[in-house]
Amino acid sequence: MILEDLCKGCRICVDLCPMKILKTSTRMTKKGVFPPEVVDPAKCTACKICQHYCPDFAIFIVGGPRLSRS
């Protein structure tokens, strides 16, 4: 979940995501920043790197990792 009102558009989450599922939005918030957006939520492994490194506590993981069943 991304709390856009708290995001300052630093891109730390986008740059650090190992699965590359985050990108900078083309939509500007009322604060004048371009927040991240999730490109492919099915690829999220819930590693929480984005959550741990966000300086503004604007992003967090809801639920656990998605495990493939073979």
PDB file of N, CA and C in Angstrom:
ATOM      1  N   MET A   1       0.852  -1.166   0.000  1.00  0.00           N
ATOM      2  CA  MET A   1       0.000   0.000   0.000  1.00  0.00           C
ATOM      3  C   MET A   1       0.899   1.230   0.000  1.00  0.00           C
ATOM      4  N   ILE A   2       0.566   2.194  -0.822  1.00  0.00           N
ATOM      5  CA  ILE A   2       1.342   3.428  -0.912  1.00  0.00           C
ATOM      6  C   ILE A   2       0.474   4.581  -0.418  1.00  0.00           C
ATOM      7  N   LEU A   3       0.960   5.263   0.599  1.00  0.00           N
ATOM      8  CA  LEU A   3       0.264   6.430   1.146  1.00  0.00           C
ATOM      9  C   LEU A   3       0.811   7.668   0.446  1.00  0.00           C
ATOM     10  N   GLU A   4       0.162   8.053  -0.622  1.00  0.00           N
ATOM     11  CA  GLU A   4       0.663   9.126  -1.475  1.00  0.00           C
ATOM     12  C   GLU A   4       0.793  10.460  -0.765  1.00  0.00           C
ATOM     13  N   ASP A   5      -0.025  10.710   0.250  1.00  0.00           N
ATOM     14  CA  ASP A   5       0.065  11.974   0.976  1.00  0.00           C
ATOM     15  C   ASP A   5       1.367  12.087   1.775  1.00  0.00           C
ATOM     16  N   LEU A   6       1.984  10.953   2.098  1.00  0.00           N
ATOM     17  CA  LEU A   6       3.238  10.956   2.843  1.00  0.00           C
ATOM     18  C   LEU A   6       4.464  10.895   1.930  1.00  0.00           C
ATOM     19  N   CYS A   7       4.288  10.443   0.723  1.00  0.00           N
ATOM     20  CA  CYS A   7       5.397  10.238  -0.212  1.00  0.00           C
ATOM     21  C   CYS A   7       5.967  11.562  -0.705  1.00  0.00           C
ATOM     22  N   LYS A   8       7.312  11.640  -0.757  1.00  0.00           N
ATOM     23  CA  LYS A   8       7.967  12.830  -1.293  1.00  0.00           C
ATOM     24  C   LYS A   8       8.595  12.567  -2.654  1.00  0.00           C
ATOM     25  N   GLY A   9       8.370  11.379  -3.217  1.00  0.00           N
ATOM     26  CA  GLY A   9       8.848  11.060  -4.550  1.00  0.00           C
ATOM     27  C   GLY A   9      10.347  10.832  -4.639  1.00  0.00           C
ATOM     28  N   CYS A  10      10.950  10.292  -3.606  1.00  0.00           N
ATOM     29  CA  CYS A  10      12.412  10.104  -3.583  1.00  0.00           C
ATOM     30  C   CYS A  10      12.889   8.948  -4.454  1.00  0.00           C
ATOM     31  N   ARG A  11      12.024   8.018  -4.802  1.00  0.00           N
ATOM     32  CA  ARG A  11      12.310   6.868  -5.664  1.00  0.00           C
ATOM     33  C   ARG A  11      13.161   5.793  -5.001  1.00  0.00           C
ATOM     34  N   ILE A  12      13.400   5.860  -3.716  1.00  0.00           N
ATOM     35  CA  ILE A  12      14.190   4.826  -3.049  1.00  0.00           C
ATOM     36  C   ILE A  12      13.534   3.464  -3.238  1.00  0.00           C
ATOM     37  N   CYS A  13      12.235   3.389  -3.050  1.00  0.00           N
ATOM     38  CA  CYS A  13      11.520   2.113  -3.201  1.00  0.00           C
ATOM     39  C   CYS A  13      11.613   1.595  -4.630  1.00  0.00           C
ATOM     40  N   VAL A  14      11.513   2.487  -5.596  1.00  0.00           N
ATOM     41  CA  VAL A  14      11.584   2.097  -7.010  1.00  0.00           C
ATOM     42  C   VAL A  14      12.964   1.543  -7.325  1.00  0.00           C
ATOM     43  N   ASP A  15      14.000   2.221  -6.850  1.00  0.00           N
ATOM     44  CA  ASP A  15      15.371   1.812  -7.151  1.00  0.00           C
ATOM     45  C   ASP A  15      15.777   0.526  -6.431  1.00  0.00           C
ATOM     46  N   LEU A  16      15.249   0.275  -5.232  1.00  0.00           N
ATOM     47  CA  LEU A  16      15.675  -0.871  -4.445  1.00  0.00           C
ATOM     48  C   LEU A  16      14.832  -2.127  -4.628  1.00  0.00           C
ATOM     49  N   CYS A  17      13.696  -2.030  -5.265  1.00  0.00           N
ATOM     50  CA  CYS A  17      12.829  -3.207  -5.425  1.00  0.00           C
ATOM     51  C   CYS A  17      13.529  -4.272  -6.265  1.00  0.00           C
ATOM     52  N   PRO A  18      13.809  -5.445  -5.672  1.00  0.00           N
ATOM     53  CA  PRO A  18      14.520  -6.483  -6.425  1.00  0.00           C
ATOM     54  C   PRO A  18      13.696  -7.082  -7.564  1.00  0.00           C
ATOM     55  N   MET A  19      12.385  -7.015  -7.453  1.00  0.00           N
ATOM     56  CA  MET A  19      11.518  -7.567  -8.491  1.00  0.00           C
ATOM     57  C   MET A  19      11.127  -6.535  -9.551  1.00  0.00           C
ATOM     58  N   LYS A  20      11.522  -5.292  -9.341  1.00  0.00           N
ATOM     59  CA  LYS A  20      11.246  -4.192 -10.287  1.00  0.00           C
ATOM     60  C   LYS A  20       9.756  -4.055 -10.585  1.00  0.00           C
ATOM     61  N   ILE A  21       8.938  -4.105  -9.525  1.00  0.00           N
ATOM     62  CA  ILE A  21       7.495  -3.979  -9.729  1.00  0.00           C
ATOM     63  C   ILE A  21       6.985  -2.572  -9.457  1.00  0.00           C
ATOM     64  N   LEU A  22       7.877  -1.675  -9.051  1.00  0.00           N
ATOM     65  CA  LEU A  22       7.489  -0.291  -8.792  1.00  0.00           C
ATOM     66  C   LEU A  22       8.055   0.611  -9.873  1.00  0.00           C
ATOM     67  N   LYS A  23       7.297   1.619 -10.236  1.00  0.00           N
ATOM     68  CA  LYS A  23       7.780   2.641 -11.171  1.00  0.00           C
ATOM     69  C   LYS A  23       7.234   3.985 -10.708  1.00  0.00           C
ATOM     70  N   THR A  24       7.844   5.039 -11.174  1.00  0.00           N
ATOM     71  CA  THR A  24       7.370   6.381 -10.847  1.00  0.00           C
ATOM     72  C   THR A  24       6.123   6.673 -11.661  1.00  0.00           C
ATOM     73  N   SER A  25       5.109   7.134 -10.991  1.00  0.00           N
ATOM     74  CA  SER A  25       3.839   7.444 -11.639  1.00  0.00           C
ATOM     75  C   SER A  25       3.980   8.663 -12.546  1.00  0.00           C
ATOM     76  N   THR A  26       3.125   8.767 -13.517  1.00  0.00           N
ATOM     77  CA  THR A  26       3.070   9.969 -14.357  1.00  0.00           C
ATOM     78  C   THR A  26       2.045  10.957 -13.803  1.00  0.00           C
ATOM     79  N   ARG A  27       1.374  10.548 -12.733  1.00  0.00           N
ATOM     80  CA  ARG A  27       0.349  11.371 -12.091  1.00  0.00           C
ATOM     81  C   ARG A  27       0.950  12.102 -10.895  1.00  0.00           C
ATOM     82  N   MET A  28       0.753  13.399 -10.847  1.00  0.00           N
ATOM     83  CA  MET A  28       1.277  14.221  -9.768  1.00  0.00           C
ATOM     84  C   MET A  28       0.267  14.317  -8.617  1.00  0.00           C
ATOM     85  N   THR A  29       0.777  14.232  -7.377  1.00  0.00           N
ATOM     86  CA  THR A  29      -0.095  14.373  -6.213  1.00  0.00           C
ATOM     87  C   THR A  29      -0.326  15.854  -5.924  1.00  0.00           C
ATOM     88  N   LYS A  30      -1.185  16.133  -4.959  1.00  0.00           N
ATOM     89  CA  LYS A  30      -1.453  17.534  -4.609  1.00  0.00           C
ATOM     90  C   LYS A  30      -0.246  18.214  -3.974  1.00  0.00           C
ATOM     91  N   LYS A  31       0.742  17.399  -3.513  1.00  0.00           N
ATOM     92  CA  LYS A  31       1.987  17.949  -2.978  1.00  0.00           C
ATOM     93  C   LYS A  31       2.984  18.261  -4.089  1.00  0.00           C
ATOM     94  N   GLY A  32       2.659  17.874  -5.308  1.00  0.00           N
ATOM     95  CA  GLY A  32       3.525  18.150  -6.450  1.00  0.00           C
ATOM     96  C   GLY A  32       4.618  17.124  -6.678  1.00  0.00           C
ATOM     97  N   VAL A  33       4.416  15.896  -6.192  1.00  0.00           N
ATOM     98  CA  VAL A  33       5.395  14.836  -6.405  1.00  0.00           C
ATOM     99  C   VAL A  33       4.769  13.712  -7.227  1.00  0.00           C
ATOM    100  N   PHE A  34       5.633  12.916  -7.837  1.00  0.00           N
ATOM    101  CA  PHE A  34       5.204  11.761  -8.603  1.00  0.00           C
ATOM    102  C   PHE A  34       5.481  10.522  -7.759  1.00  0.00           C
ATOM    103  N   PRO A  35       4.457   9.961  -7.135  1.00  0.00           N
ATOM    104  CA  PRO A  35       4.654   8.819  -6.244  1.00  0.00           C
ATOM    105  C   PRO A  35       4.923   7.538  -7.034  1.00  0.00           C
ATOM    106  N   PRO A  36       5.403   6.513  -6.341  1.00  0.00           N
ATOM    107  CA  PRO A  36       5.564   5.228  -7.036  1.00  0.00           C
ATOM    108  C   PRO A  36       4.207   4.579  -7.271  1.00  0.00           C
ATOM    109  N   GLU A  37       4.170   3.679  -8.210  1.00  0.00           N
ATOM    110  CA  GLU A  37       2.982   2.865  -8.427  1.00  0.00           C
ATOM    111  C   GLU A  37       3.413   1.433  -8.702  1.00  0.00           C
ATOM    112  N   VAL A  38       2.548   0.512  -8.380  1.00  0.00           N
ATOM    113  CA  VAL A  38       2.839  -0.904  -8.565  1.00  0.00           C
ATOM    114  C   VAL A  38       2.505  -1.293 -10.001  1.00  0.00           C
ATOM    115  N   VAL A  39       3.494  -1.863 -10.685  1.00  0.00           N
ATOM    116  CA  VAL A  39       3.325  -2.255 -12.079  1.00  0.00           C
ATOM    117  C   VAL A  39       2.745  -3.658 -12.181  1.00  0.00           C
ATOM    118  N   ASP A  40       3.275  -4.578 -11.367  1.00  0.00           N
ATOM    119  CA  ASP A  40       2.846  -5.975 -11.444  1.00  0.00           C
ATOM    120  C   ASP A  40       2.767  -6.576 -10.039  1.00  0.00           C
ATOM    121  N   PRO A  41       1.652  -6.400  -9.337  1.00  0.00           N
ATOM    122  CA  PRO A  41       1.548  -6.880  -7.958  1.00  0.00           C
ATOM    123  C   PRO A  41       1.726  -8.395  -7.809  1.00  0.00           C
ATOM    124  N   ALA A  42       1.470  -9.158  -8.844  1.00  0.00           N
ATOM    125  CA  ALA A  42       1.617 -10.615  -8.767  1.00  0.00           C
ATOM    126  C   ALA A  42       3.080 -11.035  -8.590  1.00  0.00           C
ATOM    127  N   LYS A  43       4.013 -10.182  -8.975  1.00  0.00           N
ATOM    128  CA  LYS A  43       5.435 -10.498  -8.850  1.00  0.00           C
ATOM    129  C   LYS A  43       6.015 -10.102  -7.486  1.00  0.00           C
ATOM    130  N   CYS A  44       5.238  -9.441  -6.661  1.00  0.00           N
ATOM    131  CA  CYS A  44       5.719  -9.011  -5.347  1.00  0.00           C
ATOM    132  C   CYS A  44       5.965 -10.225  -4.452  1.00  0.00           C
ATOM    133  N   THR A  45       7.148 -10.289  -3.851  1.00  0.00           N
ATOM    134  CA  THR A  45       7.497 -11.395  -2.950  1.00  0.00           C
ATOM    135  C   THR A  45       7.355 -10.986  -1.488  1.00  0.00           C
ATOM    136  N   ALA A  46       6.877  -9.786  -1.229  1.00  0.00           N
ATOM    137  CA  ALA A  46       6.703  -9.255   0.123  1.00  0.00           C
ATOM    138  C   ALA A  46       8.022  -9.230   0.898  1.00  0.00           C
ATOM    139  N   CYS A  47       9.112  -8.892   0.217  1.00  0.00           N
ATOM    140  CA  CYS A  47      10.417  -8.821   0.868  1.00  0.00           C
ATOM    141  C   CYS A  47      10.516  -7.636   1.828  1.00  0.00           C
ATOM    142  N   LYS A  48       9.664  -6.649   1.644  1.00  0.00           N
ATOM    143  CA  LYS A  48       9.557  -5.458   2.490  1.00  0.00           C
ATOM    144  C   LYS A  48      10.754  -4.513   2.413  1.00  0.00           C
ATOM    145  N   ILE A  49      11.568  -4.638   1.380  1.00  0.00           N
ATOM    146  CA  ILE A  49      12.673  -3.706   1.221  1.00  0.00           C
ATOM    147  C   ILE A  49      12.140  -2.290   1.044  1.00  0.00           C
ATOM    148  N   CYS A  50      11.105  -2.134   0.262  1.00  0.00           N
ATOM    149  CA  CYS A  50      10.508  -0.813   0.050  1.00  0.00           C
ATOM    150  C   CYS A  50      10.030  -0.219   1.374  1.00  0.00           C
ATOM    151  N   GLN A  51       9.398  -1.038   2.156  1.00  0.00           N
ATOM    152  CA  GLN A  51       8.856  -0.609   3.453  1.00  0.00           C
ATOM    153  C   GLN A  51       9.974  -0.212   4.417  1.00  0.00           C
ATOM    154  N   HIS A  52      11.030  -0.991   4.473  1.00  0.00           N
ATOM    155  CA  HIS A  52      12.117  -0.732   5.419  1.00  0.00           C
ATOM    156  C   HIS A  52      12.937   0.506   5.061  1.00  0.00           C
ATOM    157  N   TYR A  53      13.093   0.797   3.782  1.00  0.00           N
ATOM    158  CA  TYR A  53      13.942   1.908   3.366  1.00  0.00           C
ATOM    159  C   TYR A  53      13.204   3.218   3.111  1.00  0.00           C
ATOM    160  N   CYS A  54      11.879   3.202   3.121  1.00  0.00           N
ATOM    161  CA  CYS A  54      11.122   4.436   2.881  1.00  0.00           C
ATOM    162  C   CYS A  54      11.345   5.413   4.042  1.00  0.00           C
ATOM    163  N   PRO A  55      11.935   6.570   3.779  1.00  0.00           N
ATOM    164  CA  PRO A  55      12.216   7.519   4.854  1.00  0.00           C
ATOM    165  C   PRO A  55      10.964   8.193   5.423  1.00  0.00           C
ATOM    166  N   ASP A  56       9.866   8.097   4.712  1.00  0.00           N
ATOM    167  CA  ASP A  56       8.642   8.773   5.133  1.00  0.00           C
ATOM    168  C   ASP A  56       7.537   7.815   5.571  1.00  0.00           C
ATOM    169  N   PHE A  57       7.860   6.522   5.654  1.00  0.00           N
ATOM    170  CA  PHE A  57       6.871   5.508   6.046  1.00  0.00           C
ATOM    171  C   PHE A  57       5.619   5.589   5.182  1.00  0.00           C
ATOM    172  N   ALA A  58       5.837   5.790   3.875  1.00  0.00           N
ATOM    173  CA  ALA A  58       4.729   5.983   2.947  1.00  0.00           C
ATOM    174  C   ALA A  58       4.342   4.718   2.193  1.00  0.00           C
ATOM    175  N   ILE A  59       5.081   3.636   2.403  1.00  0.00           N
ATOM    176  CA  ILE A  59       4.788   2.400   1.681  1.00  0.00           C
ATOM    177  C   ILE A  59       4.916   1.227   2.645  1.00  0.00           C
ATOM    178  N   PHE A  60       3.972   0.310   2.554  1.00  0.00           N
ATOM    179  CA  PHE A  60       4.054  -0.876   3.391  1.00  0.00           C
ATOM    180  C   PHE A  60       3.350  -2.045   2.717  1.00  0.00           C
ATOM    181  N   ILE A  61       3.764  -3.227   3.132  1.00  0.00           N
ATOM    182  CA  ILE A  61       3.248  -4.460   2.542  1.00  0.00           C
ATOM    183  C   ILE A  61       2.015  -4.920   3.312  1.00  0.00           C
ATOM    184  N   VAL A  62       0.981  -5.276   2.585  1.00  0.00           N
ATOM    185  CA  VAL A  62      -0.236  -5.821   3.182  1.00  0.00           C
ATOM    186  C   VAL A  62      -0.313  -7.284   2.752  1.00  0.00           C
ATOM    187  N   GLY A  63      -0.313  -8.179   3.723  1.00  0.00           N
ATOM    188  CA  GLY A  63      -0.338  -9.607   3.416  1.00  0.00           C
ATOM    189  C   GLY A  63       1.051 -10.180   3.320  1.00  0.00           C
ATOM    190  N   GLY A  64       1.128 -11.473   3.080  1.00  0.00           N
ATOM    191  CA  GLY A  64       2.395 -12.172   3.014  1.00  0.00           C
ATOM    192  C   GLY A  64       2.851 -12.387   1.593  1.00  0.00           C
ATOM    193  N   PRO A  65       3.948 -13.124   1.443  1.00  0.00           N
ATOM    194  CA  PRO A  65       4.469 -13.378   0.095  1.00  0.00           C
ATOM    195  C   PRO A  65       3.544 -14.270  -0.712  1.00  0.00           C
ATOM    196  N   ARG A  66       3.606 -14.103  -1.986  1.00  0.00           N
ATOM    197  CA  ARG A  66       2.829 -14.954  -2.893  1.00  0.00           C
ATOM    198  C   ARG A  66       3.729 -16.107  -3.286  1.00  0.00           C
ATOM    199  N   LEU A  67       3.343 -17.299  -2.921  1.00  0.00           N
ATOM    200  CA  LEU A  67       4.136 -18.475  -3.229  1.00  0.00           C
ATOM    201  C   LEU A  67       3.492 -19.245  -4.374  1.00  0.00           C
ATOM    202  N   SER A  68       4.324 -19.630  -5.317  1.00  0.00           N
ATOM    203  CA  SER A  68       3.771 -20.424  -6.416  1.00  0.00           C
ATOM    204  C   SER A  68       3.638 -21.874  -5.969  1.00  0.00           C
ATOM    205  N   ARG A  69       2.598 -22.508  -6.403  1.00  0.00           N
ATOM    206  CA  ARG A  69       2.355 -23.921  -6.044  1.00  0.00           C
ATOM    207  C   ARG A  69       2.677 -24.772  -7.257  1.00  0.00           C
ATOM    208  N   SER A  70       3.576 -25.693  -7.068  1.00  0.00           N
ATOM    209  CA  SER A  70       3.982 -26.555  -8.176  1.00  0.00           C
ATOM    210  C   SER A  70       3.343 -27.906  -8.060  1.00  0.00           C
TER     211      SER A  70
END
